[in-house]
Amino acid sequence: MTLLKTIQERGHLRCGVGRELPGFSLRDKNGNWSGLDVDICRVISTAIFGDPSKVEFISANLNNRFELLLSKEIDLLSRNTSLTLTRDTAIGITFAPTVYYDGQAFMAHKKLRISSIYQLPKSSSICLKRQTTHVENLRSLFTRTKVSHPLIVLPNWQQVLTNFKAGKCDVISEDLSALISRMVSLPNSDQYQILPDVISKEPLTPATRSDGPLFTKVVKWSIHAIIAAEEMDIHAKNLRSKIKGQDPLVKRFFGIIPGNGKALGLPENWTYQIIKKMGNYGEIFERNIGLKSPLKLRRGLNDLWSNGGLMYAPPFR
């Protein structure tokens, strides 16, 4: 039985997400999940079942995220994970399209009186999490600049934050979006600053197991669908009027001209269900991390290609 068929017969999707990153994946005290990564899970659930609620969210951390996927405890990993060649080729997982283009950045104590990581005194230490791309990125930076700093590598974000607040390290390094997310909820946040330097490319990307090729295509094309809808200016509020139009690209996108759904093992109206119930990529971005959210992130690289960003969907034909 294929993975897609297994999920359909089970009646819900199992999705691995973080649980403490506001804007991306957060579980509140009532057990409600929210965030961009969480909504990507709901997009896939809607494609398969026509219902965004058919998801079991499973907490995945840095230590067990790939193990959960490979042991089949989750079907999809949607947890601020960077796409790299080694991860994509060596451990039996396949990455979907990137949902957020990020980069490694730094948060420092304001009392250091620096405006760039390159002004950091040599003896100053940097705290960061293990089992991420960040340690290697920093060592590469040290090699290029011929200036190194003590690294304090810790198991999780809570320990990084505890050491930082206690003054045991002068700077913390993490994805820029994560630093902004953490700072929003950080007590005494006026004592800290996010430095302008971004030292890496971190394409945050959902992943599936390599043994479920059709399900992987469903994930891939569902993400393409929310981007394509934004490209065509299709959103939750104008859905009905767009369907009534004569544009053949729109008709094919929505399955009025059939074929795309059958090719993926889905109903022909799968894209209609996604946009109706979840919105396009821009809508998902704005409500979770955009200017109308507490994070107030600008689109930047995550804008459409036509607006100078990197978001681009292949043709739906």
C-alpha atoms as a PDB file:
ATOM      1  CA  MET A   1       0.000   0.000   0.000  1.00  0.00           C
ATOM      2  CA  THR A   2       1.345   3.449  -0.888  1.00  0.00           C
ATOM      3  CA  LEU A   3       1.980   6.034   1.811  1.00  0.00           C
ATOM      4  CA  LEU A   4      -0.732   8.284   0.364  1.00  0.00           C
ATOM      5  CA  LYS A   5      -3.240   5.422   0.501  1.00  0.00           C
ATOM      6  CA  THR A   6      -2.193   4.626   4.079  1.00  0.00           C
ATOM      7  CA  ILE A   7      -2.820   8.234   5.116  1.00  0.00           C
ATOM      8  CA  GLN A   8      -6.179   8.292   3.332  1.00  0.00           C
ATOM      9  CA  GLU A   9      -7.322   5.068   5.025  1.00  0.00           C
ATOM     10  CA  ARG A  10      -6.056   6.244   8.431  1.00  0.00           C
ATOM     11  CA  GLY A  11      -8.188   9.345   8.047  1.00  0.00           C
ATOM     12  CA  HIS A  12      -5.635  11.940   9.089  1.00  0.00           C
ATOM     13  CA  LEU A  13      -2.120  13.226   8.430  1.00  0.00           C
ATOM     14  CA  ARG A  14       0.643  12.898  11.028  1.00  0.00           C
ATOM     15  CA  CYS A  15       2.750  16.032  10.934  1.00  0.00           C
ATOM     16  CA  GLY A  16       5.899  16.750  12.926  1.00  0.00           C
ATOM     17  CA  VAL A  17       6.215  20.373  14.038  1.00  0.00           C
ATOM     18  CA  GLY A  18       8.008  22.433  16.675  1.00  0.00           C
ATOM     19  CA  ARG A  19       6.016  23.674  19.629  1.00  0.00           C
ATOM     20  CA  GLU A  20       7.682  26.836  20.923  1.00  0.00           C
ATOM     21  CA  LEU A  21       8.367  29.143  17.987  1.00  0.00           C
ATOM     22  CA  PRO A  22       5.677  31.838  17.701  1.00  0.00           C
ATOM     23  CA  GLY A  23       4.678  32.538  14.119  1.00  0.00           C
ATOM     24  CA  PHE A  24       5.993  29.207  12.838  1.00  0.00           C
ATOM     25  CA  SER A  25       4.827  26.473  15.190  1.00  0.00           C
ATOM     26  CA  LEU A  26       3.359  27.068  18.619  1.00  0.00           C
ATOM     27  CA  ARG A  27       1.038  25.124  20.892  1.00  0.00           C
ATOM     28  CA  ASP A  28      -0.848  27.310  23.343  1.00  0.00           C
ATOM     29  CA  LYS A  29      -2.011  26.375  26.842  1.00  0.00           C
ATOM     30  CA  ASN A  30      -5.320  25.120  25.424  1.00  0.00           C
ATOM     31  CA  GLY A  31      -3.591  22.762  23.020  1.00  0.00           C
ATOM     32  CA  ASN A  32      -4.283  24.859  19.926  1.00  0.00           C
ATOM     33  CA  TRP A  33      -1.599  24.916  17.231  1.00  0.00           C
ATOM     34  CA  SER A  34      -0.680  27.922  15.094  1.00  0.00           C
ATOM     35  CA  GLY A  35       2.053  29.136  12.757  1.00  0.00           C
ATOM     36  CA  LEU A  36       3.343  28.973   9.205  1.00  0.00           C
ATOM     37  CA  ASP A  37       4.747  25.449   9.570  1.00  0.00           C
ATOM     38  CA  VAL A  38       1.500  24.316  11.188  1.00  0.00           C
ATOM     39  CA  ASP A  39      -0.543  25.810   8.349  1.00  0.00           C
ATOM     40  CA  ILE A  40       1.585  23.967   5.786  1.00  0.00           C
ATOM     41  CA  CYS A  41       0.467  20.733   7.474  1.00  0.00           C
ATOM     42  CA  ARG A  42      -3.129  21.932   7.202  1.00  0.00           C
ATOM     43  CA  VAL A  43      -2.644  22.735   3.516  1.00  0.00           C
ATOM     44  CA  ILE A  44      -1.576  19.125   2.874  1.00  0.00           C
ATOM     45  CA  SER A  45      -4.467  17.789   4.956  1.00  0.00           C
ATOM     46  CA  THR A  46      -6.871  19.918   2.925  1.00  0.00           C
ATOM     47  CA  ALA A  47      -5.423  18.622  -0.350  1.00  0.00           C
ATOM     48  CA  ILE A  48      -5.933  15.013   0.747  1.00  0.00           C
ATOM     49  CA  PHE A  49      -9.158  15.199   2.764  1.00  0.00           C
ATOM     50  CA  GLY A  50     -10.711  18.560   1.866  1.00  0.00           C
ATOM     51  CA  ASP A  51     -10.441  19.341   5.583  1.00  0.00           C
ATOM     52  CA  PRO A  52      -7.609  21.266   7.309  1.00  0.00           C
ATOM     53  CA  SER A  53      -8.427  19.695  10.681  1.00  0.00           C
ATOM     54  CA  LYS A  54      -7.485  16.141   9.679  1.00  0.00           C
ATOM     55  CA  VAL A  55      -4.004  16.516  11.167  1.00  0.00           C
ATOM     56  CA  GLU A  56      -2.381  14.981  14.210  1.00  0.00           C
ATOM     57  CA  PHE A  57       0.392  17.340  15.277  1.00  0.00           C
ATOM     58  CA  ILE A  58       3.390  15.603  16.831  1.00  0.00           C
ATOM     59  CA  SER A  59       6.087  17.596  18.591  1.00  0.00           C
ATOM     60  CA  ALA A  60       9.451  17.197  16.845  1.00  0.00           C
ATOM     61  CA  ASN A  61      12.673  18.587  18.277  1.00  0.00           C
ATOM     62  CA  LEU A  62      16.184  18.960  16.891  1.00  0.00           C
ATOM     63  CA  ASN A  63      17.227  15.596  18.275  1.00  0.00           C
ATOM     64  CA  ASN A  64      14.370  13.440  16.994  1.00  0.00           C
ATOM     65  CA  ARG A  65      12.885  15.210  13.949  1.00  0.00           C
ATOM     66  CA  PHE A  66      14.487  12.961  11.313  1.00  0.00           C
ATOM     67  CA  GLU A  67      14.114   9.837  13.457  1.00  0.00           C
ATOM     68  CA  LEU A  68      10.358  10.464  13.752  1.00  0.00           C
ATOM     69  CA  LEU A  69      10.106  10.720   9.984  1.00  0.00           C
ATOM     70  CA  LEU A  70      12.229   7.673   9.180  1.00  0.00           C
ATOM     71  CA  SER A  71      10.536   5.510  11.829  1.00  0.00           C
ATOM     72  CA  LYS A  72       7.146   6.349  10.260  1.00  0.00           C
ATOM     73  CA  GLU A  73       5.814   8.029  13.390  1.00  0.00           C
ATOM     74  CA  ILE A  74       5.126  11.085  11.237  1.00  0.00           C
ATOM     75  CA  ASP A  75       4.298  11.378   7.531  1.00  0.00           C
ATOM     76  CA  LEU A  76       5.555  14.922   7.082  1.00  0.00           C
ATOM     77  CA  LEU A  77       8.150  17.065   8.849  1.00  0.00           C
ATOM     78  CA  SER A  78       7.208  20.744   8.808  1.00  0.00           C
ATOM     79  CA  ARG A  79       9.556  22.240  11.353  1.00  0.00           C
ATOM     80  CA  ASN A  80      11.947  25.081  10.354  1.00  0.00           C
ATOM     81  CA  THR A  81      14.457  22.619   8.875  1.00  0.00           C
ATOM     82  CA  SER A  82      17.104  23.749   6.384  1.00  0.00           C
ATOM     83  CA  LEU A  83      17.443  21.930   3.077  1.00  0.00           C
ATOM     84  CA  THR A  84      21.035  20.762   2.546  1.00  0.00           C
ATOM     85  CA  LEU A  85      22.606  18.329   0.090  1.00  0.00           C
ATOM     86  CA  THR A  86      23.595  15.830   2.801  1.00  0.00           C
ATOM     87  CA  ARG A  87      20.149  15.781   4.362  1.00  0.00           C
ATOM     88  CA  ASP A  88      18.554  15.400   0.945  1.00  0.00           C
ATOM     89  CA  THR A  89      20.748  12.491  -0.159  1.00  0.00           C
ATOM     90  CA  ALA A  90      22.123  10.564   2.807  1.00  0.00           C
ATOM     91  CA  ILE A  91      19.322   9.716   5.215  1.00  0.00           C
ATOM     92  CA  GLY A  92      16.339   8.651   3.110  1.00  0.00           C
ATOM     93  CA  ILE A  93      14.257  11.812   3.119  1.00  0.00           C
ATOM     94  CA  THR A  94      13.053  14.054   0.304  1.00  0.00           C
ATOM     95  CA  PHE A  95      12.553  17.786   0.601  1.00  0.00           C
ATOM     96  CA  ALA A  96       9.538  19.650  -0.732  1.00  0.00           C
ATOM     97  CA  PRO A  97       9.647  23.223  -2.084  1.00  0.00           C
ATOM     98  CA  THR A  98      11.020  25.772   0.371  1.00  0.00           C
ATOM     99  CA  VAL A  99       8.352  27.627   2.344  1.00  0.00           C
ATOM    100  CA  TYR A 100      10.607  30.258   3.966  1.00  0.00           C
ATOM    101  CA  TYR A 101      13.980  31.578   2.821  1.00  0.00           C
ATOM    102  CA  ASP A 102      15.976  32.480   5.908  1.00  0.00           C
ATOM    103  CA  GLY A 103      19.562  33.040   7.037  1.00  0.00           C
ATOM    104  CA  GLN A 104      21.659  32.675  10.165  1.00  0.00           C
ATOM    105  CA  ALA A 105      21.882  35.834  12.255  1.00  0.00           C
ATOM    106  CA  PHE A 106      22.833  37.035  15.739  1.00  0.00           C
ATOM    107  CA  MET A 107      21.288  38.524  18.867  1.00  0.00           C
ATOM    108  CA  ALA A 108      23.605  40.386  21.246  1.00  0.00           C
ATOM    109  CA  HIS A 109      23.455  42.121  24.604  1.00  0.00           C
ATOM    110  CA  LYS A 110      23.149  45.857  23.956  1.00  0.00           C
ATOM    111  CA  LYS A 111      25.730  46.520  26.643  1.00  0.00           C
ATOM    112  CA  LEU A 112      28.374  45.186  24.224  1.00  0.00           C
ATOM    113  CA  ARG A 113      27.822  48.362  22.162  1.00  0.00           C
ATOM    114  CA  ILE A 114      28.434  46.668  18.819  1.00  0.00           C
ATOM    115  CA  SER A 115      26.533  47.132  15.567  1.00  0.00           C
ATOM    116  CA  SER A 116      27.922  44.096  13.730  1.00  0.00           C
ATOM    117  CA  ILE A 117      29.096  40.589  14.570  1.00  0.00           C
ATOM    118  CA  TYR A 118      32.427  41.583  13.064  1.00  0.00           C
ATOM    119  CA  GLN A 119      32.906  44.039  15.951  1.00  0.00           C
ATOM    120  CA  LEU A 120      32.519  41.325  18.582  1.00  0.00           C
ATOM    121  CA  PRO A 121      35.546  41.178  20.937  1.00  0.00           C
ATOM    122  CA  LYS A 122      37.587  38.038  20.343  1.00  0.00           C
ATOM    123  CA  SER A 123      37.004  36.704  23.854  1.00  0.00           C
ATOM    124  CA  SER A 124      33.219  37.026  23.590  1.00  0.00           C
ATOM    125  CA  SER A 125      31.312  33.753  23.377  1.00  0.00           C
ATOM    126  CA  ILE A 126      28.440  32.651  21.149  1.00  0.00           C
ATOM    127  CA  CYS A 127      25.698  30.257  22.281  1.00  0.00           C
ATOM    128  CA  LEU A 128      23.822  28.110  19.778  1.00  0.00           C
ATOM    129  CA  LYS A 129      21.958  24.823  19.465  1.00  0.00           C
ATOM    130  CA  ARG A 130      23.557  21.567  18.444  1.00  0.00           C
ATOM    131  CA  GLN A 131      22.419  19.427  15.506  1.00  0.00           C
ATOM    132  CA  THR A 132      21.833  22.448  13.285  1.00  0.00           C
ATOM    133  CA  THR A 133      23.682  23.924  10.322  1.00  0.00           C
ATOM    134  CA  HIS A 134      24.701  26.892  12.464  1.00  0.00           C
ATOM    135  CA  VAL A 135      27.833  25.441  14.066  1.00  0.00           C
ATOM    136  CA  GLU A 136      29.394  24.610  10.705  1.00  0.00           C
ATOM    137  CA  ASN A 137      28.404  28.023   9.339  1.00  0.00           C
ATOM    138  CA  LEU A 138      30.196  29.780  12.187  1.00  0.00           C
ATOM    139  CA  ARG A 139      33.331  27.697  11.826  1.00  0.00           C
ATOM    140  CA  SER A 140      33.354  28.543   8.140  1.00  0.00           C
ATOM    141  CA  LEU A 141      32.983  32.236   9.032  1.00  0.00           C
ATOM    142  CA  PHE A 142      35.892  32.001  11.463  1.00  0.00           C
ATOM    143  CA  THR A 143      38.064  30.448   8.763  1.00  0.00           C
ATOM    144  CA  ARG A 144      37.229  33.208   6.279  1.00  0.00           C
ATOM    145  CA  THR A 145      37.699  36.092   8.707  1.00  0.00           C
ATOM    146  CA  LYS A 146      40.621  34.540  10.639  1.00  0.00           C
ATOM    147  CA  VAL A 147      38.843  35.588  13.841  1.00  0.00           C
ATOM    148  CA  SER A 148      37.264  32.991  16.110  1.00  0.00           C
ATOM    149  CA  HIS A 149      35.108  33.109  19.226  1.00  0.00           C
ATOM    150  CA  PRO A 150      34.358  30.497  21.890  1.00  0.00           C
ATOM    151  CA  LEU A 151      31.266  28.498  20.913  1.00  0.00           C
ATOM    152  CA  ILE A 152      28.931  27.151  23.585  1.00  0.00           C
ATOM    153  CA  VAL A 153      26.877  24.451  21.873  1.00  0.00           C
ATOM    154  CA  LEU A 154      23.773  23.428  23.825  1.00  0.00           C
ATOM    155  CA  PRO A 155      21.032  20.801  23.359  1.00  0.00           C
ATOM    156  CA  ASN A 156      18.041  23.121  22.968  1.00  0.00           C
ATOM    157  CA  TRP A 157      16.803  26.679  22.735  1.00  0.00           C
ATOM    158  CA  GLN A 158      15.816  26.892  26.406  1.00  0.00           C
ATOM    159  CA  GLN A 159      19.388  26.232  27.512  1.00  0.00           C
ATOM    160  CA  VAL A 160      20.706  28.707  24.942  1.00  0.00           C
ATOM    161  CA  LEU A 161      18.347  31.367  26.266  1.00  0.00           C
ATOM    162  CA  THR A 162      19.120  30.601  29.922  1.00  0.00           C
ATOM    163  CA  ASN A 163      22.860  30.939  29.333  1.00  0.00           C
ATOM    164  CA  PHE A 164      22.378  34.122  27.311  1.00  0.00           C
ATOM    165  CA  LYS A 165      20.184  35.827  29.919  1.00  0.00           C
ATOM    166  CA  ALA A 166      22.597  34.779  32.672  1.00  0.00           C
ATOM    167  CA  GLY A 167      25.480  36.414  30.817  1.00  0.00           C
ATOM    168  CA  LYS A 168      27.315  33.129  30.236  1.00  0.00           C
ATOM    169  CA  CYS A 169      27.459  33.984  26.543  1.00  0.00           C
ATOM    170  CA  ASP A 170      27.475  37.372  24.863  1.00  0.00           C
ATOM    171  CA  VAL A 171      25.697  36.493  21.633  1.00  0.00           C
ATOM    172  CA  ILE A 172      23.283  33.837  20.418  1.00  0.00           C
ATOM    173  CA  SER A 173      23.092  32.667  16.824  1.00  0.00           C
ATOM    174  CA  GLU A 174      19.987  31.275  15.144  1.00  0.00           C
ATOM    175  CA  ASP A 175      17.891  31.718  12.005  1.00  0.00           C
ATOM    176  CA  LEU A 176      16.905  35.379  11.686  1.00  0.00           C
ATOM    177  CA  SER A 177      13.181  34.610  11.693  1.00  0.00           C
ATOM    178  CA  ALA A 178      13.580  32.529  14.858  1.00  0.00           C
ATOM    179  CA  LEU A 179      15.495  35.318  16.609  1.00  0.00           C
ATOM    180  CA  ILE A 180      12.737  37.791  15.758  1.00  0.00           C
ATOM    181  CA  SER A 181      10.134  35.293  16.964  1.00  0.00           C
ATOM    182  CA  ARG A 182      12.000  34.697  20.234  1.00  0.00           C
ATOM    183  CA  MET A 183      12.539  38.412  20.832  1.00  0.00           C
ATOM    184  CA  VAL A 184       8.801  39.134  20.617  1.00  0.00           C
ATOM    185  CA  SER A 185       8.177  36.991  23.695  1.00  0.00           C
ATOM    186  CA  LEU A 186      11.468  37.661  25.517  1.00  0.00           C
ATOM    187  CA  PRO A 187      11.241  39.522  28.862  1.00  0.00           C
ATOM    188  CA  ASN A 188      13.350  42.699  28.933  1.00  0.00           C
ATOM    189  CA  SER A 189      13.812  42.485  25.174  1.00  0.00           C
ATOM    190  CA  ASP A 190      14.972  46.116  25.155  1.00  0.00           C
ATOM    191  CA  GLN A 191      18.266  44.871  26.618  1.00  0.00           C
ATOM    192  CA  TYR A 192      19.069  42.939  23.437  1.00  0.00           C
ATOM    193  CA  GLN A 193      19.523  43.698  19.753  1.00  0.00           C
ATOM    194  CA  ILE A 194      19.471  41.672  16.563  1.00  0.00           C
ATOM    195  CA  LEU A 195      22.562  42.466  14.530  1.00  0.00           C
ATOM    196  CA  PRO A 196      22.178  43.153  10.778  1.00  0.00           C
ATOM    197  CA  ASP A 197      24.615  40.449   9.635  1.00  0.00           C
ATOM    198  CA  VAL A 198      23.227  37.345   7.908  1.00  0.00           C
ATOM    199  CA  ILE A 199      25.968  34.787   7.269  1.00  0.00           C
ATOM    200  CA  SER A 200      24.233  31.886   5.538  1.00  0.00           C
ATOM    201  CA  LYS A 201      21.375  30.664   3.388  1.00  0.00           C
ATOM    202  CA  GLU A 202      18.794  28.677   5.337  1.00  0.00           C
ATOM    203  CA  PRO A 203      15.975  27.473   3.060  1.00  0.00           C
ATOM    204  CA  LEU A 204      13.390  26.203   5.550  1.00  0.00           C
ATOM    205  CA  THR A 205      11.685  23.300   3.865  1.00  0.00           C
ATOM    206  CA  PRO A 206       9.217  20.507   4.733  1.00  0.00           C
ATOM    207  CA  ALA A 207      10.408  16.936   4.237  1.00  0.00           C
ATOM    208  CA  THR A 208       8.911  13.510   3.575  1.00  0.00           C
ATOM    209  CA  ARG A 209      10.303   9.980   3.486  1.00  0.00           C
ATOM    210  CA  SER A 210      11.743   8.872   0.187  1.00  0.00           C
ATOM    211  CA  ASP A 211       9.617   5.690   0.154  1.00  0.00           C
ATOM    212  CA  GLY A 212       6.366   7.547  -0.579  1.00  0.00           C
ATOM    213  CA  PRO A 213       6.883   9.197  -3.975  1.00  0.00           C
ATOM    214  CA  LEU A 214       3.218   9.971  -4.708  1.00  0.00           C
ATOM    215  CA  PHE A 215       2.655  11.521  -1.275  1.00  0.00           C
ATOM    216  CA  THR A 216       5.848  13.529  -1.781  1.00  0.00           C
ATOM    217  CA  LYS A 217       4.379  14.866  -5.032  1.00  0.00           C
ATOM    218  CA  VAL A 218       1.158  15.782  -3.210  1.00  0.00           C
ATOM    219  CA  VAL A 219       3.187  17.790  -0.683  1.00  0.00           C
ATOM    220  CA  LYS A 220       5.253  19.391  -3.444  1.00  0.00           C
ATOM    221  CA  TRP A 221       2.319  20.435  -5.591  1.00  0.00           C
ATOM    222  CA  SER A 222       0.195  21.574  -2.657  1.00  0.00           C
ATOM    223  CA  ILE A 223       2.944  24.040  -1.734  1.00  0.00           C
ATOM    224  CA  HIS A 224       3.232  25.047  -5.384  1.00  0.00           C
ATOM    225  CA  ALA A 225      -0.555  25.542  -5.379  1.00  0.00           C
ATOM    226  CA  ILE A 226      -0.595  28.186  -2.644  1.00  0.00           C
ATOM    227  CA  ILE A 227       2.203  30.048  -4.438  1.00  0.00           C
ATOM    228  CA  ALA A 228       0.546  29.713  -7.862  1.00  0.00           C
ATOM    229  CA  ALA A 229      -2.720  31.034  -6.446  1.00  0.00           C
ATOM    230  CA  GLU A 230      -0.970  34.165  -5.216  1.00  0.00           C
ATOM    231  CA  GLU A 231       0.725  34.550  -8.614  1.00  0.00           C
ATOM    232  CA  MET A 232      -2.729  34.493 -10.261  1.00  0.00           C
ATOM    233  CA  ASP A 233      -4.159  36.854  -7.597  1.00  0.00           C
ATOM    234  CA  ILE A 234      -6.496  34.129  -6.375  1.00  0.00           C
ATOM    235  CA  HIS A 235      -7.320  34.308  -2.687  1.00  0.00           C
ATOM    236  CA  ALA A 236      -9.997  33.091  -0.326  1.00  0.00           C
ATOM    237  CA  LYS A 237     -12.280  36.107  -0.887  1.00  0.00           C
ATOM    238  CA  ASN A 238     -12.314  36.175  -4.707  1.00  0.00           C
ATOM    239  CA  LEU A 239     -12.356  32.430  -5.278  1.00  0.00           C
ATOM    240  CA  ARG A 240     -15.884  32.214  -6.678  1.00  0.00           C
ATOM    241  CA  SER A 241     -15.450  35.060  -9.161  1.00  0.00           C
ATOM    242  CA  LYS A 242     -12.147  33.629 -10.410  1.00  0.00           C
ATOM    243  CA  ILE A 243     -13.729  30.242 -11.062  1.00  0.00           C
ATOM    244  CA  LYS A 244     -16.470  31.861 -13.166  1.00  0.00           C
ATOM    245  CA  GLY A 245     -13.898  33.469 -15.469  1.00  0.00           C
ATOM    246  CA  GLN A 246     -12.694  32.094 -18.794  1.00  0.00           C
ATOM    247  CA  ASP A 247      -8.941  31.914 -18.169  1.00  0.00           C
ATOM    248  CA  PRO A 248      -7.897  28.356 -19.158  1.00  0.00           C
ATOM    249  CA  LEU A 249      -4.953  28.439 -16.734  1.00  0.00           C
ATOM    250  CA  VAL A 250      -7.340  29.127 -13.859  1.00  0.00           C
ATOM    251  CA  LYS A 251      -9.756  26.462 -15.088  1.00  0.00           C
ATOM    252  CA  ARG A 252      -6.990  23.873 -15.202  1.00  0.00           C
ATOM    253  CA  PHE A 253      -5.655  24.996 -11.824  1.00  0.00           C
ATOM    254  CA  PHE A 254      -9.056  24.424 -10.223  1.00  0.00           C
ATOM    255  CA  GLY A 255      -9.725  21.129 -11.990  1.00  0.00           C
ATOM    256  CA  ILE A 256     -12.562  22.449 -14.145  1.00  0.00           C
ATOM    257  CA  ILE A 257     -10.349  21.191 -16.926  1.00  0.00           C
ATOM    258  CA  PRO A 258      -9.602  17.850 -15.216  1.00  0.00           C
ATOM    259  CA  GLY A 259      -6.409  15.847 -14.963  1.00  0.00           C
ATOM    260  CA  ASN A 260      -4.203  17.338 -12.258  1.00  0.00           C
ATOM    261  CA  GLY A 261      -6.128  15.755  -9.399  1.00  0.00           C
ATOM    262  CA  LYS A 262      -6.120  12.308 -10.971  1.00  0.00           C
ATOM    263  CA  ALA A 263      -2.365  12.535 -11.578  1.00  0.00           C
ATOM    264  CA  LEU A 264      -1.819  13.047  -7.835  1.00  0.00           C
ATOM    265  CA  GLY A 265      -4.424  10.603  -6.567  1.00  0.00           C
ATOM    266  CA  LEU A 266      -6.569  13.489  -5.321  1.00  0.00           C
ATOM    267  CA  PRO A 267     -10.035  14.900  -6.094  1.00  0.00           C
ATOM    268  CA  GLU A 268     -10.013  17.331  -9.012  1.00  0.00           C
ATOM    269  CA  ASN A 269     -11.076  20.193  -6.712  1.00  0.00           C
ATOM    270  CA  TRP A 270      -8.094  19.808  -4.351  1.00  0.00           C
ATOM    271  CA  THR A 271      -6.668  23.261  -5.131  1.00  0.00           C
ATOM    272  CA  TYR A 272     -10.090  24.878  -4.678  1.00  0.00           C
ATOM    273  CA  GLN A 273     -10.347  23.325  -1.230  1.00  0.00           C
ATOM    274  CA  ILE A 274      -6.859  24.526  -0.263  1.00  0.00           C
ATOM    275  CA  ILE A 275      -7.419  28.149  -1.266  1.00  0.00           C
ATOM    276  CA  LYS A 276     -10.961  28.269   0.116  1.00  0.00           C
ATOM    277  CA  LYS A 277      -9.975  26.922   3.520  1.00  0.00           C
ATOM    278  CA  MET A 278      -6.332  27.999   3.933  1.00  0.00           C
ATOM    279  CA  GLY A 279      -5.739  30.878   1.502  1.00  0.00           C
ATOM    280  CA  ASN A 280      -2.788  31.469  -0.803  1.00  0.00           C
ATOM    281  CA  TYR A 281       0.849  31.703   0.302  1.00  0.00           C
ATOM    282  CA  GLY A 282       0.650  35.450   0.873  1.00  0.00           C
ATOM    283  CA  GLU A 283      -2.405  35.089   3.101  1.00  0.00           C
ATOM    284  CA  ILE A 284      -0.747  32.316   5.116  1.00  0.00           C
ATOM    285  CA  PHE A 285       2.453  34.368   5.449  1.00  0.00           C
ATOM    286  CA  GLU A 286       0.687  37.555   6.537  1.00  0.00           C
ATOM    287  CA  ARG A 287      -1.531  36.054   9.206  1.00  0.00           C
ATOM    288  CA  ASN A 288       1.303  34.117  10.832  1.00  0.00           C
ATOM    289  CA  ILE A 289       4.486  36.171  10.467  1.00  0.00           C
ATOM    290  CA  GLY A 290       3.725  39.167   8.234  1.00  0.00           C
ATOM    291  CA  LEU A 291       3.225  42.846   8.979  1.00  0.00           C
ATOM    292  CA  LYS A 292      -0.195  42.205  10.537  1.00  0.00           C
ATOM    293  CA  SER A 293       1.260  39.650  12.961  1.00  0.00           C
ATOM    294  CA  PRO A 294       3.289  40.255  16.154  1.00  0.00           C
ATOM    295  CA  LEU A 295       6.481  39.325  14.258  1.00  0.00           C
ATOM    296  CA  LYS A 296       5.893  41.979  11.543  1.00  0.00           C
ATOM    297  CA  LEU A 297       8.243  40.300   9.056  1.00  0.00           C
ATOM    298  CA  ARG A 298       8.490  41.760   5.574  1.00  0.00           C
ATOM    299  CA  ARG A 299       8.227  39.392   2.634  1.00  0.00           C
ATOM    300  CA  GLY A 300      11.758  40.037   1.312  1.00  0.00           C
ATOM    301  CA  LEU A 301      13.082  36.869  -0.333  1.00  0.00           C
ATOM    302  CA  ASN A 302       9.740  35.230   0.418  1.00  0.00           C
ATOM    303  CA  ASP A 303       7.837  37.511  -1.927  1.00  0.00           C
ATOM    304  CA  LEU A 304       6.785  36.392  -5.400  1.00  0.00           C
ATOM    305  CA  TRP A 305       9.442  36.374  -8.104  1.00  0.00           C
ATOM    306  CA  SER A 306       7.512  39.148  -9.855  1.00  0.00           C
ATOM    307  CA  ASN A 307       8.044  41.335  -6.772  1.00  0.00           C
ATOM    308  CA  GLY A 308      11.753  40.590  -6.440  1.00  0.00           C
ATOM    309  CA  GLY A 309      11.433  37.513  -4.217  1.00  0.00           C
ATOM    310  CA  LEU A 310      12.190  33.826  -4.738  1.00  0.00           C
ATOM    311  CA  MET A 311       8.681  32.354  -4.611  1.00  0.00           C
ATOM    312  CA  TYR A 312       7.786  30.756  -7.938  1.00  0.00           C
ATOM    313  CA  ALA A 313       5.433  27.929  -8.922  1.00  0.00           C
ATOM    314  CA  PRO A 314       5.894  25.679 -11.981  1.00  0.00           C
ATOM    315  CA  PRO A 315       3.024  25.501 -14.489  1.00  0.00           C
ATOM    316  CA  PHE A 316      -0.079  23.513 -13.529  1.00  0.00           C
ATOM    317  CA  ARG A 317      -0.443  21.611 -16.783  1.00  0.00           C
END
